[in-house]
Protein backbone atom coordinates (compact mmCIF):
# COMPACT_ATOMS: atom_id res chain seq x y z
CA MET A 1 -6.13 6.35 -1.39
CA ASN A 2 -3.07 5.62 0.15
CA GLN A 3 -0.48 3.01 -1.37
CA THR A 4 3.19 2.20 -1.86
CA PHE A 5 4.85 1.01 -5.09
CA THR A 6 7.84 -0.92 -5.15
CA LEU A 7 10.52 0.20 -7.74
CA SER A 8 12.33 -2.74 -10.03
CA GLY A 9 14.90 -0.21 -11.36
CA GLU A 10 16.26 2.90 -10.32
CA TYR A 11 13.44 5.16 -11.14
CA ILE A 12 10.22 5.32 -12.91
CA ALA A 13 8.89 8.35 -14.61
CA LEU A 14 5.96 10.40 -12.65
CA CYS A 15 3.17 10.02 -15.58
CA ASP A 16 3.85 6.34 -15.61
CA LEU A 17 3.61 6.03 -11.77
CA LEU A 18 0.34 7.51 -12.13
CA LYS A 19 -0.53 5.18 -14.70
CA VAL A 20 1.01 1.69 -12.99
CA CYS A 21 -0.76 2.93 -9.43
CA GLY A 22 -4.19 3.53 -10.95
CA VAL A 23 -4.38 7.05 -10.48
CA VAL A 24 -5.17 7.60 -14.34
CA ASP A 25 -6.23 5.30 -17.12
CA SER A 26 -3.64 6.38 -19.46
CA GLY A 27 -0.24 7.80 -19.88
CA GLY A 28 -1.73 10.92 -21.73
CA ALA A 29 -4.22 11.61 -18.63
CA GLY A 30 -1.38 11.29 -16.27
CA LYS A 31 0.35 14.22 -18.36
CA LEU A 32 -2.29 16.20 -18.31
CA LEU A 33 -2.82 15.73 -14.13
CA VAL A 34 0.66 17.08 -13.96
CA ALA A 35 0.56 19.62 -16.54
CA GLN A 36 -2.55 21.17 -14.58
CA GLY A 37 -0.42 21.46 -11.19
CA ASP A 38 -2.29 18.61 -9.55
CA VAL A 39 0.58 16.46 -8.77
CA ARG A 40 2.93 17.02 -5.72
CA VAL A 41 6.12 15.28 -5.16
CA ASP A 42 7.45 15.72 -1.63
CA GLY A 43 5.13 18.28 -0.96
CA GLN A 44 6.17 20.54 -3.48
CA VAL A 45 4.03 20.90 -7.23
CA GLU A 46 5.62 19.09 -9.89
CA LEU A 47 4.91 20.20 -13.62
CA ARG A 48 7.70 17.79 -15.45
CA LYS A 49 5.56 14.90 -16.59
CA THR A 50 8.65 12.54 -16.77
CA CYS A 51 10.08 13.83 -13.78
CA LYS A 52 12.30 10.71 -12.08
CA ILE A 53 10.48 9.49 -9.04
CA ARG A 54 12.92 7.49 -6.94
CA ALA A 55 13.25 5.52 -3.40
CA GLY A 56 11.82 7.22 -0.89
CA GLN A 57 9.82 10.21 -2.57
CA ARG A 58 6.07 10.62 -1.75
CA VAL A 59 3.81 11.58 -5.26
CA SER A 60 0.35 13.04 -3.79
CA GLY A 61 -2.86 14.63 -5.25
CA ASP A 62 -6.70 15.33 -4.75
CA GLY A 63 -7.46 11.85 -3.25
CA PHE A 64 -4.11 9.85 -3.78
CA SER A 65 -0.89 9.24 -2.15
CA ILE A 66 1.80 7.10 -3.27
CA ARG A 67 5.14 6.31 -1.20
CA VAL A 68 7.65 4.66 -3.35
CA GLU A 69 10.28 2.38 -1.96
CA GLY A 70 13.15 0.65 -3.58
CA ALA A 71 13.49 -3.05 -4.36
CA ALA A 72 14.65 -5.47 -1.67
CA ALA A 73 17.76 -6.45 -2.25
């Protein structure tokens, strides 16, 4: 599942992004996925559940890829 997420602010927390994009059903499931080392940010394993994801970054894992872009000015 490839998708694009458009930020409404400066950043979104990693676990919140996973929930909003439908990768997981709940914030708790998102935190677990991150804690298990199953999520990559720009190709690197990310273990911080509330890592700030900003425009231009790519979040990926088994079966999903999310490109984050900034809101149009």
